[in-house]
Amino acid sequence: RLLAFTRFPFEGRPIKHGDEAHIVVVNLRTGEERVVATTRGFDSQTGAHVQWGATDADLYFNDVVLRRHKHVPVGVHLDPSTGRSRRLECPVYSISPDGRTSAAPNLGLMVHTQLGYGVHLPPTEAPANRDAPHNDGVWVTDLETGSCRLLVSLRTLARRAGLDVSTPTYAFHVKYSPDGSRLMVILRQRVAKRGLLNLGSFTRRNHVLVVDAHTADNVAHLVEWGSGQDPVRNGNHPNWTPSGDVSINLVADSESHLAMNFDLPTSWSIVALSDATPP
């Protein structure tokens, strides 16, 4: 019945810290459109991560606020019918199927591996990681209380996945499985080698992990790409299927384009194959 989205107030230039966007709710029955909030916590590909919770009174999005003289990304819970809102300690990225929790990476540092998915902070307040830090990683927010905790650090995740903890490491996508029991976590490591997407003297190495959503144990390292030497040369858009498997678009060494379906926890299969480059 209701549709919510982020509306950008401009086109033709990159988003920068301090820009504001609108959170809009549309009644699909009547066509009525309302601006219900403004936000500074958005970027060009995913907006402010606007999404619904358990009911029509639970709308979530991100903002950037000043806390102890420092800009920080936070989540916002809003009831569009009353206008009542409250801040969450951490931003939202993926809300659990039961609407009780949200899991998120550090949105302020996403700019170091890819533009478009996080939020914009002053560069001096978002320094690049030098390794896999012990005080940052996957953050889980209790949506009832608004409190937030570090579920698992990047250092712990890297160790459990058998990765080098001395390499600059970031969390990218974090997504709940359809039943809420597992989290898909995309770890990205910046390797000192010239790569794509204007990363200068670094290329990004991607690692697709699946962990227990409550303990971050039982780490399954499904696939990796980005070194230029792996059988899998490139990949994109990992996601859960409705049945609880993981689907990823991958580019094999032969330059064929594969869609891989990982039947967790141990097996995988090719579910589509094309020799043509996708549009």
C-alpha atoms as a PDB file:
ATOM      1  CA  ARG A   1       0.000   0.000   0.000  1.00  0.00           C
ATOM      2  CA  LEU A   2       2.888   2.394   0.741  1.00  0.00           C
ATOM      3  CA  LEU A   3       6.097   2.995  -1.185  1.00  0.00           C
ATOM      4  CA  ALA A   4       9.095   4.804   0.311  1.00  0.00           C
ATOM      5  CA  PHE A   5      12.215   6.078  -1.436  1.00  0.00           C
ATOM      6  CA  THR A   6      15.074   8.593  -1.335  1.00  0.00           C
ATOM      7  CA  ARG A   7      14.714  11.616  -3.623  1.00  0.00           C
ATOM      8  CA  PHE A   8      17.878  13.463  -4.611  1.00  0.00           C
ATOM      9  CA  PRO A   9      17.510  17.247  -4.861  1.00  0.00           C
ATOM     10  CA  PHE A  10      20.002  17.557  -7.728  1.00  0.00           C
ATOM     11  CA  GLU A  11      21.617  15.800 -10.670  1.00  0.00           C
ATOM     12  CA  GLY A  12      24.803  16.306 -12.605  1.00  0.00           C
ATOM     13  CA  ARG A  13      27.339  16.385  -9.781  1.00  0.00           C
ATOM     14  CA  PRO A  14      28.705  13.980  -7.175  1.00  0.00           C
ATOM     15  CA  ILE A  15      27.195  13.877  -3.705  1.00  0.00           C
ATOM     16  CA  LYS A  16      29.324  15.484  -1.013  1.00  0.00           C
ATOM     17  CA  HIS A  17      29.224  15.784   2.746  1.00  0.00           C
ATOM     18  CA  GLY A  18      26.463  18.135   3.900  1.00  0.00           C
ATOM     19  CA  ASP A  19      24.120  17.563   0.944  1.00  0.00           C
ATOM     20  CA  GLU A  20      20.506  16.808   1.869  1.00  0.00           C
ATOM     21  CA  ALA A  21      17.978  14.459   0.282  1.00  0.00           C
ATOM     22  CA  HIS A  22      14.286  13.839   0.924  1.00  0.00           C
ATOM     23  CA  ILE A  23      12.585  10.718   2.250  1.00  0.00           C
ATOM     24  CA  VAL A  24       9.328  10.333   0.343  1.00  0.00           C
ATOM     25  CA  VAL A  25       6.307   8.098   1.028  1.00  0.00           C
ATOM     26  CA  VAL A  26       3.715   7.407  -1.684  1.00  0.00           C
ATOM     27  CA  ASN A  27       0.249   6.005  -1.042  1.00  0.00           C
ATOM     28  CA  LEU A  28      -0.158   3.582  -3.944  1.00  0.00           C
ATOM     29  CA  ARG A  29      -3.947   3.574  -3.610  1.00  0.00           C
ATOM     30  CA  THR A  30      -4.490   7.317  -3.771  1.00  0.00           C
ATOM     31  CA  GLY A  31      -1.293   8.495  -5.448  1.00  0.00           C
ATOM     32  CA  GLU A  32      -0.619  10.942  -2.598  1.00  0.00           C
ATOM     33  CA  GLU A  33       3.074  11.738  -2.225  1.00  0.00           C
ATOM     34  CA  ARG A  34       4.595  13.208   0.943  1.00  0.00           C
ATOM     35  CA  VAL A  35       8.071  14.268   1.975  1.00  0.00           C
ATOM     36  CA  VAL A  36       8.300  12.815   5.474  1.00  0.00           C
ATOM     37  CA  ALA A  37      11.937  13.628   6.372  1.00  0.00           C
ATOM     38  CA  THR A  38      15.249  15.004   5.161  1.00  0.00           C
ATOM     39  CA  THR A  39      18.595  13.256   5.455  1.00  0.00           C
ATOM     40  CA  ARG A  40      22.310  13.801   4.993  1.00  0.00           C
ATOM     41  CA  GLY A  41      23.046  10.072   5.191  1.00  0.00           C
ATOM     42  CA  PHE A  42      22.757   8.947   1.588  1.00  0.00           C
ATOM     43  CA  ASP A  43      24.738   8.166  -1.552  1.00  0.00           C
ATOM     44  CA  SER A  44      24.082   7.738  -5.250  1.00  0.00           C
ATOM     45  CA  GLN A  45      23.320   4.003  -5.610  1.00  0.00           C
ATOM     46  CA  THR A  46      21.376   3.012  -2.500  1.00  0.00           C
ATOM     47  CA  GLY A  47      20.111   6.400  -1.308  1.00  0.00           C
ATOM     48  CA  ALA A  48      19.547   6.470   2.440  1.00  0.00           C
ATOM     49  CA  HIS A  49      18.851   2.702   2.608  1.00  0.00           C
ATOM     50  CA  VAL A  50      15.128   3.415   3.035  1.00  0.00           C
ATOM     51  CA  GLN A  51      13.245   0.258   4.026  1.00  0.00           C
ATOM     52  CA  TRP A  52      10.218  -0.901   5.962  1.00  0.00           C
ATOM     53  CA  GLY A  53      10.265  -2.815   9.228  1.00  0.00           C
ATOM     54  CA  ALA A  54       7.558  -5.019  10.661  1.00  0.00           C
ATOM     55  CA  THR A  55       4.620  -2.643  10.020  1.00  0.00           C
ATOM     56  CA  ASP A  56       3.629   0.466   8.050  1.00  0.00           C
ATOM     57  CA  ALA A  57       4.526   2.450  11.168  1.00  0.00           C
ATOM     58  CA  ASP A  58       8.144   1.290  10.976  1.00  0.00           C
ATOM     59  CA  LEU A  59      10.068   3.155   8.310  1.00  0.00           C
ATOM     60  CA  TYR A  60      13.865   3.174   8.536  1.00  0.00           C
ATOM     61  CA  PHE A  61      16.536   5.230   6.821  1.00  0.00           C
ATOM     62  CA  ASN A  62      19.966   6.691   7.550  1.00  0.00           C
ATOM     63  CA  ASP A  63      21.165  10.149   8.486  1.00  0.00           C
ATOM     64  CA  VAL A  64      24.421  11.823   9.524  1.00  0.00           C
ATOM     65  CA  VAL A  65      24.473  13.699  12.839  1.00  0.00           C
ATOM     66  CA  LEU A  66      27.017  15.500  14.965  1.00  0.00           C
ATOM     67  CA  ARG A  67      27.931  13.486  18.058  1.00  0.00           C
ATOM     68  CA  ARG A  68      30.665  14.720  20.422  1.00  0.00           C
ATOM     69  CA  HIS A  69      32.011  17.076  17.743  1.00  0.00           C
ATOM     70  CA  LYS A  70      32.214  14.287  15.152  1.00  0.00           C
ATOM     71  CA  HIS A  71      29.921  13.413  12.252  1.00  0.00           C
ATOM     72  CA  VAL A  72      28.549   9.872  12.519  1.00  0.00           C
ATOM     73  CA  PRO A  73      26.054   7.845  10.475  1.00  0.00           C
ATOM     74  CA  VAL A  74      22.942   6.754  12.383  1.00  0.00           C
ATOM     75  CA  GLY A  75      19.693   5.022  11.606  1.00  0.00           C
ATOM     76  CA  VAL A  76      16.316   6.682  12.019  1.00  0.00           C
ATOM     77  CA  HIS A  77      13.007   5.028  12.877  1.00  0.00           C
ATOM     78  CA  LEU A  78       9.991   6.999  11.657  1.00  0.00           C
ATOM     79  CA  ASP A  79       6.245   6.483  11.860  1.00  0.00           C
ATOM     80  CA  PRO A  80       5.102   8.240   8.660  1.00  0.00           C
ATOM     81  CA  SER A  81       1.514   8.547   9.877  1.00  0.00           C
ATOM     82  CA  THR A  82       2.401  10.527  13.009  1.00  0.00           C
ATOM     83  CA  GLY A  83       5.792  11.996  12.158  1.00  0.00           C
ATOM     84  CA  ARG A  84       7.300  10.612  15.355  1.00  0.00           C
ATOM     85  CA  SER A  85      10.920   9.591  14.941  1.00  0.00           C
ATOM     86  CA  ARG A  86      13.859   8.408  17.004  1.00  0.00           C
ATOM     87  CA  ARG A  87      17.520   7.863  16.286  1.00  0.00           C
ATOM     88  CA  LEU A  88      19.278   4.535  16.430  1.00  0.00           C
ATOM     89  CA  GLU A  89      22.861   4.234  17.625  1.00  0.00           C
ATOM     90  CA  CYS A  90      24.036   2.724  14.325  1.00  0.00           C
ATOM     91  CA  PRO A  91      22.883   2.974  10.711  1.00  0.00           C
ATOM     92  CA  VAL A  92      20.635   0.440   8.982  1.00  0.00           C
ATOM     93  CA  TYR A  93      21.662  -1.698   6.021  1.00  0.00           C
ATOM     94  CA  SER A  94      19.805  -5.022   6.204  1.00  0.00           C
ATOM     95  CA  ILE A  95      16.772  -5.465   8.464  1.00  0.00           C
ATOM     96  CA  SER A  96      16.069  -8.989   9.701  1.00  0.00           C
ATOM     97  CA  PRO A  97      12.957 -10.734   8.349  1.00  0.00           C
ATOM     98  CA  ASP A  98      11.242 -10.470  11.753  1.00  0.00           C
ATOM     99  CA  GLY A  99      11.891  -6.722  11.882  1.00  0.00           C
ATOM    100  CA  ARG A 100      13.702  -6.879  15.218  1.00  0.00           C
ATOM    101  CA  THR A 101      17.315  -6.143  14.275  1.00  0.00           C
ATOM    102  CA  SER A 102      19.422  -4.450  11.636  1.00  0.00           C
ATOM    103  CA  ALA A 103      22.904  -5.480  10.539  1.00  0.00           C
ATOM    104  CA  ALA A 104      25.261  -2.987   8.912  1.00  0.00           C
ATOM    105  CA  PRO A 105      28.882  -2.374   7.970  1.00  0.00           C
ATOM    106  CA  ASN A 106      30.610   0.926   8.670  1.00  0.00           C
ATOM    107  CA  LEU A 107      28.873   3.148   6.099  1.00  0.00           C
ATOM    108  CA  GLY A 108      31.304   5.996   6.652  1.00  0.00           C
ATOM    109  CA  LEU A 109      34.249   3.962   5.332  1.00  0.00           C
ATOM    110  CA  MET A 110      32.612   2.446   2.254  1.00  0.00           C
ATOM    111  CA  VAL A 111      34.007   5.268   0.147  1.00  0.00           C
ATOM    112  CA  HIS A 112      37.438   3.628   0.412  1.00  0.00           C
ATOM    113  CA  THR A 113      36.330   0.640  -1.682  1.00  0.00           C
ATOM    114  CA  GLN A 114      33.348   1.871  -3.707  1.00  0.00           C
ATOM    115  CA  LEU A 115      31.256   4.993  -4.068  1.00  0.00           C
ATOM    116  CA  GLY A 116      27.472   4.978  -3.956  1.00  0.00           C
ATOM    117  CA  TYR A 117      26.592   2.672  -1.062  1.00  0.00           C
ATOM    118  CA  GLY A 118      27.459   4.456   2.168  1.00  0.00           C
ATOM    119  CA  VAL A 119      27.337   8.013   3.481  1.00  0.00           C
ATOM    120  CA  HIS A 120      29.624  11.013   3.019  1.00  0.00           C
ATOM    121  CA  LEU A 121      31.645  12.239   5.988  1.00  0.00           C
ATOM    122  CA  PRO A 122      34.421  14.827   6.123  1.00  0.00           C
ATOM    123  CA  PRO A 123      37.546  13.039   4.838  1.00  0.00           C
ATOM    124  CA  THR A 124      39.410  13.774   8.072  1.00  0.00           C
ATOM    125  CA  GLU A 125      36.720  11.867   9.983  1.00  0.00           C
ATOM    126  CA  ALA A 126      36.814   8.775   7.777  1.00  0.00           C
ATOM    127  CA  PRO A 127      40.467   7.658   7.603  1.00  0.00           C
ATOM    128  CA  ALA A 128      41.340   4.534   5.651  1.00  0.00           C
ATOM    129  CA  ASN A 129      41.962   1.304   7.534  1.00  0.00           C
ATOM    130  CA  ARG A 130      45.571   0.156   7.804  1.00  0.00           C
ATOM    131  CA  ASP A 131      44.698  -3.470   8.516  1.00  0.00           C
ATOM    132  CA  ALA A 132      41.729  -5.555   9.647  1.00  0.00           C
ATOM    133  CA  PRO A 133      40.708  -3.541  12.746  1.00  0.00           C
ATOM    134  CA  HIS A 134      39.517  -5.091  15.975  1.00  0.00           C
ATOM    135  CA  ASN A 135      37.082  -2.255  16.763  1.00  0.00           C
ATOM    136  CA  ASP A 136      35.073  -2.189  13.541  1.00  0.00           C
ATOM    137  CA  GLY A 137      33.139  -4.784  11.582  1.00  0.00           C
ATOM    138  CA  VAL A 138      29.512  -5.903  11.446  1.00  0.00           C
ATOM    139  CA  TRP A 139      27.217  -3.874  13.701  1.00  0.00           C
ATOM    140  CA  VAL A 140      23.828  -5.141  14.898  1.00  0.00           C
ATOM    141  CA  THR A 141      21.131  -2.774  16.169  1.00  0.00           C
ATOM    142  CA  ASP A 142      18.172  -3.724  18.363  1.00  0.00           C
ATOM    143  CA  LEU A 143      15.392  -1.857  16.560  1.00  0.00           C
ATOM    144  CA  GLU A 144      13.181  -1.734  19.651  1.00  0.00           C
ATOM    145  CA  THR A 145      15.723  -0.123  21.951  1.00  0.00           C
ATOM    146  CA  GLY A 146      17.953   1.498  19.338  1.00  0.00           C
ATOM    147  CA  SER A 147      21.084   0.143  21.005  1.00  0.00           C
ATOM    148  CA  CYS A 148      23.941  -1.151  18.872  1.00  0.00           C
ATOM    149  CA  ARG A 149      26.752  -3.653  19.370  1.00  0.00           C
ATOM    150  CA  LEU A 150      29.685  -4.973  17.401  1.00  0.00           C
ATOM    151  CA  LEU A 151      28.653  -8.497  16.412  1.00  0.00           C
ATOM    152  CA  VAL A 152      32.060  -9.407  15.022  1.00  0.00           C
ATOM    153  CA  SER A 153      35.180  -7.423  14.211  1.00  0.00           C
ATOM    154  CA  LEU A 154      36.871  -7.340  10.839  1.00  0.00           C
ATOM    155  CA  ARG A 155      39.966  -8.834  12.426  1.00  0.00           C
ATOM    156  CA  THR A 156      38.026 -11.814  13.766  1.00  0.00           C
ATOM    157  CA  LEU A 157      36.209 -12.338  10.472  1.00  0.00           C
ATOM    158  CA  ALA A 158      39.457 -12.190   8.510  1.00  0.00           C
ATOM    159  CA  ARG A 159      41.108 -14.717  10.821  1.00  0.00           C
ATOM    160  CA  ARG A 160      38.149 -17.100  10.679  1.00  0.00           C
ATOM    161  CA  ALA A 161      38.197 -16.881   6.875  1.00  0.00           C
ATOM    162  CA  GLY A 162      41.952 -17.497   6.719  1.00  0.00           C
ATOM    163  CA  LEU A 163      42.789 -14.009   5.396  1.00  0.00           C
ATOM    164  CA  ASP A 164      45.780 -11.783   6.081  1.00  0.00           C
ATOM    165  CA  VAL A 165      44.798  -9.469   8.969  1.00  0.00           C
ATOM    166  CA  SER A 166      47.599  -7.025   8.118  1.00  0.00           C
ATOM    167  CA  THR A 167      45.856  -6.058   4.842  1.00  0.00           C
ATOM    168  CA  PRO A 168      43.455  -3.059   4.945  1.00  0.00           C
ATOM    169  CA  THR A 169      40.025  -4.684   5.304  1.00  0.00           C
ATOM    170  CA  TYR A 170      36.474  -3.352   5.098  1.00  0.00           C
ATOM    171  CA  ALA A 171      32.953  -4.757   5.298  1.00  0.00           C
ATOM    172  CA  PHE A 172      30.788  -4.079   2.257  1.00  0.00           C
ATOM    173  CA  HIS A 173      27.403  -5.800   1.826  1.00  0.00           C
ATOM    174  CA  VAL A 174      25.793  -7.324   4.925  1.00  0.00           C
ATOM    175  CA  LYS A 175      22.554  -9.191   4.262  1.00  0.00           C
ATOM    176  CA  TYR A 176      20.251 -11.401   6.356  1.00  0.00           C
ATOM    177  CA  SER A 177      19.186 -14.764   4.964  1.00  0.00           C
ATOM    178  CA  PRO A 178      15.435 -15.227   4.325  1.00  0.00           C
ATOM    179  CA  ASP A 179      14.986 -17.034   7.654  1.00  0.00           C
ATOM    180  CA  GLY A 180      17.198 -14.595   9.575  1.00  0.00           C
ATOM    181  CA  SER A 181      19.592 -17.285  10.817  1.00  0.00           C
ATOM    182  CA  ARG A 182      22.626 -16.299   8.746  1.00  0.00           C
ATOM    183  CA  LEU A 183      24.374 -13.206   7.468  1.00  0.00           C
ATOM    184  CA  MET A 184      26.144 -12.815   4.170  1.00  0.00           C
ATOM    185  CA  VAL A 185      29.158 -10.543   4.666  1.00  0.00           C
ATOM    186  CA  ILE A 186      31.286  -9.238   1.819  1.00  0.00           C
ATOM    187  CA  LEU A 187      34.816  -8.490   3.021  1.00  0.00           C
ATOM    188  CA  ARG A 188      36.965  -6.277   0.840  1.00  0.00           C
ATOM    189  CA  GLN A 189      40.716  -6.032   1.159  1.00  0.00           C
ATOM    190  CA  ARG A 190      42.706  -3.272  -0.526  1.00  0.00           C
ATOM    191  CA  VAL A 191      45.767  -4.839  -2.105  1.00  0.00           C
ATOM    192  CA  ALA A 192      48.682  -2.715  -3.310  1.00  0.00           C
ATOM    193  CA  LYS A 193      48.215  -3.247  -7.018  1.00  0.00           C
ATOM    194  CA  ARG A 194      46.781  -0.977  -9.690  1.00  0.00           C
ATOM    195  CA  GLY A 195      43.148  -1.914 -10.271  1.00  0.00           C
ATOM    196  CA  LEU A 196      39.833  -0.683 -11.531  1.00  0.00           C
ATOM    197  CA  LEU A 197      37.346   1.968 -10.433  1.00  0.00           C
ATOM    198  CA  ASN A 198      39.879   4.717  -9.747  1.00  0.00           C
ATOM    199  CA  LEU A 199      41.389   3.055  -6.708  1.00  0.00           C
ATOM    200  CA  GLY A 200      44.830   4.379  -7.595  1.00  0.00           C
ATOM    201  CA  SER A 201      47.603   1.969  -6.616  1.00  0.00           C
ATOM    202  CA  PHE A 202      45.164  -0.426  -4.947  1.00  0.00           C
ATOM    203  CA  THR A 203      42.816  -3.087  -6.205  1.00  0.00           C
ATOM    204  CA  ARG A 204      40.036  -4.576  -4.129  1.00  0.00           C
ATOM    205  CA  ARG A 205      39.878  -8.264  -3.322  1.00  0.00           C
ATOM    206  CA  ASN A 206      36.367  -9.493  -2.539  1.00  0.00           C
ATOM    207  CA  HIS A 207      35.510 -12.357  -0.185  1.00  0.00           C
ATOM    208  CA  VAL A 208      31.961 -13.671   0.147  1.00  0.00           C
ATOM    209  CA  LEU A 209      31.370 -15.080   3.625  1.00  0.00           C
ATOM    210  CA  VAL A 210      28.318 -16.556   5.333  1.00  0.00           C
ATOM    211  CA  VAL A 211      28.191 -16.556   9.144  1.00  0.00           C
ATOM    212  CA  ASP A 212      25.758 -17.305  11.950  1.00  0.00           C
ATOM    213  CA  ALA A 213      23.601 -14.189  12.418  1.00  0.00           C
ATOM    214  CA  HIS A 214      23.699 -14.413  16.211  1.00  0.00           C
ATOM    215  CA  THR A 215      27.290 -15.453  16.939  1.00  0.00           C
ATOM    216  CA  ALA A 216      29.197 -14.868  13.658  1.00  0.00           C
ATOM    217  CA  ASP A 217      30.543 -18.420  14.041  1.00  0.00           C
ATOM    218  CA  ASN A 218      30.497 -21.198  11.427  1.00  0.00           C
ATOM    219  CA  VAL A 219      32.160 -19.055   8.756  1.00  0.00           C
ATOM    220  CA  ALA A 220      31.737 -20.339   5.203  1.00  0.00           C
ATOM    221  CA  HIS A 221      34.124 -18.676   2.719  1.00  0.00           C
ATOM    222  CA  LEU A 222      32.235 -19.208  -0.544  1.00  0.00           C
ATOM    223  CA  VAL A 223      34.314 -17.483  -3.211  1.00  0.00           C
ATOM    224  CA  GLU A 224      36.790 -14.662  -3.808  1.00  0.00           C
ATOM    225  CA  TRP A 225      37.890 -12.523  -6.726  1.00  0.00           C
ATOM    226  CA  GLY A 226      39.971  -9.469  -7.470  1.00  0.00           C
ATOM    227  CA  SER A 227      43.602 -10.621  -7.631  1.00  0.00           C
ATOM    228  CA  GLY A 228      43.635 -11.081 -11.396  1.00  0.00           C
ATOM    229  CA  GLN A 229      45.055 -14.572 -10.891  1.00  0.00           C
ATOM    230  CA  ASP A 230      42.027 -16.504  -9.604  1.00  0.00           C
ATOM    231  CA  PRO A 231      39.891 -18.817 -11.771  1.00  0.00           C
ATOM    232  CA  VAL A 232      37.117 -16.346 -10.926  1.00  0.00           C
ATOM    233  CA  ARG A 233      38.208 -13.032 -12.436  1.00  0.00           C
ATOM    234  CA  ASN A 234      35.350 -10.824 -11.319  1.00  0.00           C
ATOM    235  CA  GLY A 235      31.962 -10.895  -9.655  1.00  0.00           C
ATOM    236  CA  ASN A 236      29.015  -8.811  -8.580  1.00  0.00           C
ATOM    237  CA  HIS A 237      25.626  -8.702  -6.894  1.00  0.00           C
ATOM    238  CA  PRO A 238      25.795 -11.584  -4.387  1.00  0.00           C
ATOM    239  CA  ASN A 239      22.399 -12.146  -2.828  1.00  0.00           C
ATOM    240  CA  TRP A 240      20.195 -14.662  -1.072  1.00  0.00           C
ATOM    241  CA  THR A 241      17.660 -16.708  -2.981  1.00  0.00           C
ATOM    242  CA  PRO A 242      14.188 -17.271  -1.445  1.00  0.00           C
ATOM    243  CA  SER A 243      15.231 -20.847  -0.575  1.00  0.00           C
ATOM    244  CA  GLY A 244      18.233 -19.671   1.454  1.00  0.00           C
ATOM    245  CA  ASP A 245      20.987 -20.339  -1.072  1.00  0.00           C
ATOM    246  CA  VAL A 246      23.430 -17.695  -2.323  1.00  0.00           C
ATOM    247  CA  SER A 247      23.468 -16.515  -5.928  1.00  0.00           C
ATOM    248  CA  ILE A 248      26.400 -14.530  -7.421  1.00  0.00           C
ATOM    249  CA  ASN A 249      27.221 -13.294 -10.916  1.00  0.00           C
ATOM    250  CA  LEU A 250      30.799 -14.341 -11.664  1.00  0.00           C
ATOM    251  CA  VAL A 251      33.212 -13.918 -14.576  1.00  0.00           C
ATOM    252  CA  ALA A 252      35.338 -17.024 -15.081  1.00  0.00           C
ATOM    253  CA  ASP A 253      38.891 -17.098 -16.412  1.00  0.00           C
ATOM    254  CA  SER A 254      37.531 -17.928 -19.868  1.00  0.00           C
ATOM    255  CA  GLU A 255      35.602 -14.645 -19.780  1.00  0.00           C
ATOM    256  CA  SER A 256      32.329 -16.569 -19.752  1.00  0.00           C
ATOM    257  CA  HIS A 257      29.727 -15.080 -17.463  1.00  0.00           C
ATOM    258  CA  LEU A 258      28.417 -17.445 -14.827  1.00  0.00           C
ATOM    259  CA  ALA A 259      25.614 -17.291 -12.343  1.00  0.00           C
ATOM    260  CA  MET A 260      26.670 -19.468  -9.432  1.00  0.00           C
ATOM    261  CA  ASN A 261      24.228 -20.924  -6.962  1.00  0.00           C
ATOM    262  CA  PHE A 262      25.781 -21.955  -3.624  1.00  0.00           C
ATOM    263  CA  ASP A 263      23.708 -24.662  -1.930  1.00  0.00           C
ATOM    264  CA  LEU A 264      24.968 -23.977   1.570  1.00  0.00           C
ATOM    265  CA  PRO A 265      26.971 -25.028   3.375  1.00  0.00           C
ATOM    266  CA  THR A 266      29.299 -26.970   1.060  1.00  0.00           C
ATOM    267  CA  SER A 267      28.273 -27.318  -2.574  1.00  0.00           C
ATOM    268  CA  TRP A 268      27.756 -25.048  -5.558  1.00  0.00           C
ATOM    269  CA  SER A 269      26.401 -25.345  -9.077  1.00  0.00           C
ATOM    270  CA  ILE A 270      26.305 -23.328 -12.279  1.00  0.00           C
ATOM    271  CA  VAL A 271      22.710 -22.266 -12.840  1.00  0.00           C
ATOM    272  CA  ALA A 272      23.298 -20.117 -15.958  1.00  0.00           C
ATOM    273  CA  LEU A 273      26.073 -19.661 -18.479  1.00  0.00           C
ATOM    274  CA  SER A 274      26.498 -17.105 -21.244  1.00  0.00           C
ATOM    275  CA  ASP A 275      29.433 -16.358 -23.536  1.00  0.00           C
ATOM    276  CA  ALA A 276      28.096 -12.870 -24.196  1.00  0.00           C
ATOM    277  CA  THR A 277      28.887  -9.884 -22.023  1.00  0.00           C
ATOM    278  CA  PRO A 278      25.769  -8.838 -20.097  1.00  0.00           C
ATOM    279  CA  PRO A 279      24.352  -5.444 -21.080  1.00  0.00           C
END
